Amino acid sequence: MVRVIDGDALVLDTGQSVRLIGIEAPAPERRNRPGDVYAEESSRLLEDMALGRQVELRYAGLTRDRYDRALAHVFTDDALGPSLWLNEEMLRRGGARLRVYPDTAAGSEPLLLAEAEARTNGAGLWVKTAYEIPAADKLPDDFMRFQIVIGLLGASADADEASCIRPFLNSWLKLEIASSAVDICGLPDGSRVEARGYVFQGKMEIIHPLNVQALER
């Protein structure tokens, strides 16, 4: 291992960049963009687990992104310490949040449980006010970034057989549900859900079923 870029990306000694799939770590400062809360701590957490270790990459679908980064589950694979699934550990220790893409989703179910454990234990970023999960109707109307929200689903709008739009009740925010997550379109009106995705122009794109969890009322 040569270096850690941030909490969800590293570079191997071969020069190959690797993006840890299934997780979204706080972004560090870049150019004129300020860093996210907990970005430095997240990077250090991955460094503590990964630097100096040999690793094995395991692929879950698409193997490269447009930047030629390997898209992988990363496991430590040497005798220098315990065997660690770094993607899972980053979630379990509160260094990142779950974010699942359909083309790299295989084997992601345990990651949801790891994040839930961190949230229950108040680990890492989950103690920070910036990562409190808001109600959908409390988001500012100019909000634009990755977010987790909780709210009640309204009736489907612009639905077809392969996708739909589900508004949140009493909120400007709508879920834009892709064909890869079409089962979410069938949730009953008034369902209380937790949804995660990138918010842009009043919509949150939902591209995998794991990015929406039905909750008790």
Protein backbone atom coordinates (compact mmCIF):
# COMPACT_ATOMS: atom_id res chain seq x y z
CA MET A 1 0.00 0.00 0.00
CA VAL A 2 1.39 3.40 -0.91
CA ARG A 3 -1.08 5.95 0.34
CA VAL A 4 -4.65 6.67 1.33
CA ILE A 5 -6.38 9.36 -0.70
CA ASP A 6 -9.38 9.74 1.59
CA GLY A 7 -11.74 7.55 3.57
CA ASP A 8 -12.95 5.56 0.58
CA ALA A 9 -10.00 5.58 -1.83
CA LEU A 10 -6.41 4.39 -1.76
CA VAL A 11 -3.46 3.67 -4.06
CA LEU A 12 -1.67 0.31 -4.23
CA ASP A 13 2.11 -0.04 -4.59
CA THR A 14 1.47 -0.97 -8.23
CA GLY A 15 0.14 2.53 -8.82
CA GLN A 16 -3.45 1.30 -9.17
CA SER A 17 -6.04 3.56 -7.54
CA VAL A 18 -8.86 1.76 -5.74
CA ARG A 19 -12.32 3.03 -4.82
CA LEU A 20 -13.88 1.12 -1.94
CA ILE A 21 -17.38 0.27 -3.13
CA GLY A 22 -20.54 0.53 -1.09
CA ILE A 23 -19.35 3.41 1.08
CA GLU A 24 -19.34 7.20 0.97
CA ALA A 25 -16.68 8.79 3.15
CA PRO A 26 -16.53 12.50 4.00
CA ALA A 27 -14.72 14.36 1.22
CA PRO A 28 -11.49 16.22 2.05
CA GLU A 29 -10.78 19.79 0.98
CA ARG A 30 -10.10 20.06 -2.75
CA ARG A 31 -9.21 23.22 -4.67
CA ASN A 32 -11.81 25.81 -3.63
CA ARG A 33 -14.17 23.28 -2.06
CA PRO A 34 -14.08 23.02 1.73
CA GLY A 35 -13.73 19.58 3.24
CA ASP A 36 -16.62 17.74 4.85
CA VAL A 37 -16.89 17.38 8.59
CA TYR A 38 -14.91 14.33 9.78
CA ALA A 39 -12.93 14.01 6.52
CA GLU A 40 -9.51 13.99 8.18
CA GLU A 41 -10.60 11.47 10.81
CA SER A 42 -12.06 9.22 8.13
CA SER A 43 -8.81 9.23 6.15
CA ARG A 44 -6.78 8.46 9.27
CA LEU A 45 -9.09 5.58 10.11
CA LEU A 46 -8.46 3.95 6.74
CA GLU A 47 -4.72 4.63 7.05
CA ASP A 48 -4.60 2.95 10.44
CA MET A 49 -6.16 -0.20 9.00
CA ALA A 50 -4.53 -0.31 5.57
CA LEU A 51 -1.06 1.27 5.43
CA GLY A 52 1.72 -1.28 5.22
CA ARG A 53 -0.71 -4.15 4.68
CA GLN A 54 -1.08 -6.43 1.70
CA VAL A 55 -4.62 -6.43 0.37
CA GLU A 56 -6.86 -8.51 -1.85
CA LEU A 57 -9.38 -6.89 -4.18
CA ARG A 58 -12.70 -8.65 -4.72
CA TYR A 59 -15.00 -7.35 -7.41
CA ALA A 60 -18.78 -7.16 -7.22
CA GLY A 61 -19.64 -6.30 -10.82
CA LEU A 62 -18.09 -3.39 -12.70
CA THR A 63 -14.33 -3.45 -12.10
CA ARG A 64 -13.25 0.05 -13.23
CA ASP A 65 -14.77 3.51 -13.23
CA ARG A 66 -14.20 6.30 -15.77
CA TYR A 67 -11.07 7.39 -13.87
CA ASP A 68 -9.64 3.83 -14.21
CA ARG A 69 -9.95 3.28 -10.46
CA ALA A 70 -10.53 -0.33 -9.42
CA LEU A 71 -13.99 -0.69 -7.85
CA ALA A 72 -13.67 -3.32 -5.17
CA HIS A 73 -14.24 -4.80 -1.76
CA VAL A 74 -10.80 -4.62 -0.15
CA PHE A 75 -9.53 -7.20 2.34
CA THR A 76 -6.26 -7.16 4.24
CA ASP A 77 -4.31 -10.30 3.35
CA ASP A 78 -1.12 -10.76 5.39
CA ALA A 79 0.13 -11.77 8.82
CA LEU A 80 0.69 -8.22 10.10
CA GLY A 81 -2.70 -8.01 11.79
CA PRO A 82 -6.25 -9.31 11.73
CA SER A 83 -7.97 -9.91 8.43
CA LEU A 84 -10.20 -6.89 7.78
CA TRP A 85 -12.86 -6.19 5.19
CA LEU A 86 -12.02 -2.52 4.89
CA ASN A 87 -15.32 -1.44 3.33
CA GLU A 88 -17.26 -3.00 6.19
CA GLU A 89 -14.87 -1.75 8.86
CA MET A 90 -15.11 1.83 7.61
CA LEU A 91 -18.87 1.63 8.13
CA ARG A 92 -18.68 -0.25 11.44
CA ARG A 93 -16.26 2.30 12.88
CA GLY A 94 -18.23 5.28 11.65
CA GLY A 95 -15.75 6.41 9.02
CA ALA A 96 -18.27 6.43 6.17
CA ARG A 97 -21.91 6.00 5.22
CA LEU A 98 -23.46 3.31 3.04
CA ARG A 99 -24.02 4.16 -0.64
CA VAL A 100 -24.84 1.34 -3.04
CA TYR A 101 -24.64 1.43 -6.83
CA PRO A 102 -26.34 -1.32 -8.87
CA ASP A 103 -23.27 -2.13 -10.97
CA THR A 104 -21.16 -2.91 -7.86
CA ALA A 105 -23.87 -4.06 -5.46
CA ALA A 106 -23.11 -7.78 -5.07
CA GLY A 107 -22.41 -8.69 -1.45
CA SER A 108 -23.47 -5.32 -0.05
CA GLU A 109 -26.15 -6.50 2.40
CA PRO A 110 -23.72 -6.88 5.36
CA LEU A 111 -22.62 -3.29 4.84
CA LEU A 112 -26.08 -2.04 5.82
CA LEU A 113 -25.80 -3.93 9.11
CA ALA A 114 -22.33 -2.50 9.74
CA GLU A 115 -23.60 1.05 9.34
CA ALA A 116 -26.57 0.31 11.61
CA GLU A 117 -24.16 -0.92 14.29
CA ALA A 118 -22.11 2.29 14.07
CA ARG A 119 -25.22 4.43 14.34
CA THR A 120 -26.46 2.50 17.37
CA ASN A 121 -23.07 2.85 19.06
CA GLY A 122 -22.59 6.51 18.10
CA ALA A 123 -19.30 5.65 16.40
CA GLY A 124 -17.20 8.06 14.36
CA LEU A 125 -19.06 10.58 12.23
CA TRP A 126 -22.42 9.65 13.78
CA VAL A 127 -21.68 11.81 16.83
CA LYS A 128 -21.35 14.88 14.61
CA THR A 129 -24.30 17.24 14.14
CA ALA A 130 -23.53 17.40 10.41
CA TYR A 131 -24.51 13.72 10.08
CA GLU A 132 -27.76 13.79 12.00
CA ILE A 133 -30.50 12.34 9.78
CA PRO A 134 -33.14 15.01 9.10
CA ALA A 135 -36.80 14.67 8.26
CA ALA A 136 -37.40 15.18 4.54
CA ASP A 137 -39.59 18.20 5.24
CA LYS A 138 -36.74 19.92 7.14
CA LEU A 139 -34.22 20.04 4.30
CA PRO A 140 -33.50 23.55 2.96
CA ASP A 141 -34.91 23.92 -0.55
CA ASP A 142 -31.44 24.71 -1.94
CA PHE A 143 -29.90 21.53 -0.50
CA MET A 144 -27.58 19.70 -2.93
CA ARG A 145 -25.35 16.80 -1.86
CA PHE A 146 -25.47 13.19 -0.68
CA GLN A 147 -27.86 12.83 2.23
CA ILE A 148 -29.91 10.37 4.28
CA VAL A 149 -33.45 11.49 5.13
CA ILE A 150 -36.55 10.08 6.81
CA GLY A 151 -40.10 10.81 5.69
CA LEU A 152 -43.52 9.57 4.62
CA LEU A 153 -44.05 8.60 1.00
CA GLY A 154 -46.80 10.16 -1.05
CA ALA A 155 -48.51 8.60 -4.06
CA SER A 156 -46.47 7.72 -7.14
CA ALA A 157 -46.16 10.37 -9.81
CA ASP A 158 -45.08 9.88 -13.43
CA ALA A 159 -44.99 6.13 -12.89
CA ASP A 160 -44.43 3.56 -15.62
CA GLU A 161 -43.58 -0.12 -15.48
CA ALA A 162 -39.87 0.46 -14.94
CA SER A 163 -39.54 3.55 -12.74
CA CYS A 164 -41.47 6.16 -10.77
CA ILE A 165 -41.28 9.36 -8.77
CA ARG A 166 -42.41 9.22 -5.12
CA PRO A 167 -42.80 12.54 -3.31
CA PHE A 168 -42.29 12.90 0.41
CA LEU A 169 -45.39 14.20 2.16
CA ASN A 170 -45.15 17.86 3.22
CA SER A 171 -41.77 18.21 1.52
CA TRP A 172 -40.38 19.57 -1.73
CA LEU A 173 -38.16 16.49 -2.01
CA LYS A 174 -39.08 13.64 -4.37
CA LEU A 175 -37.52 10.23 -4.83
CA GLU A 176 -36.61 9.58 -8.46
CA ILE A 177 -36.61 5.80 -8.50
CA ALA A 178 -34.73 4.09 -11.33
CA SER A 179 -35.55 0.75 -12.90
CA SER A 180 -32.76 -0.84 -10.84
CA ALA A 181 -34.78 -0.05 -7.69
CA VAL A 182 -38.29 -0.36 -9.10
CA ASP A 183 -39.59 -2.40 -6.13
CA ILE A 184 -39.58 0.82 -4.11
CA CYS A 185 -42.33 2.12 -6.39
CA GLY A 186 -44.66 -0.47 -4.87
CA LEU A 187 -44.40 0.68 -1.25
CA PRO A 188 -47.80 1.76 0.12
CA ASP A 189 -48.66 5.45 0.27
CA GLY A 190 -47.78 6.83 3.69
CA SER A 191 -44.91 4.39 4.22
CA ARG A 192 -42.26 5.76 6.54
CA VAL A 193 -38.86 5.26 4.95
CA GLU A 194 -35.23 6.14 5.29
CA ALA A 195 -33.74 7.06 1.90
CA ARG A 196 -30.21 7.91 0.84
CA GLY A 197 -28.87 9.41 -2.35
CA TYR A 198 -27.64 12.57 -4.03
CA VAL A 199 -30.10 15.45 -3.85
CA PHE A 200 -30.23 17.70 -6.91
CA GLN A 201 -32.95 20.03 -8.20
CA GLY A 202 -35.55 18.77 -5.78
CA LYS A 203 -34.98 15.07 -6.38
CA MET A 204 -33.04 12.28 -4.72
CA GLU A 205 -32.00 9.58 -7.17
CA ILE A 206 -32.62 6.04 -5.91
CA ILE A 207 -30.71 3.49 -7.97
CA HIS A 208 -30.60 0.44 -5.68
CA PRO A 209 -33.17 -1.04 -3.25
CA LEU A 210 -30.69 -0.97 -0.34
CA ASN A 211 -30.74 2.83 -0.54
CA VAL A 212 -34.32 2.85 0.83
CA GLN A 213 -35.34 1.14 4.06
CA ALA A 214 -38.95 0.83 5.20
CA LEU A 215 -39.35 1.88 8.86
CA GLU A 216 -42.05 1.34 11.44
CA ARG A 217 -44.54 4.17 11.73
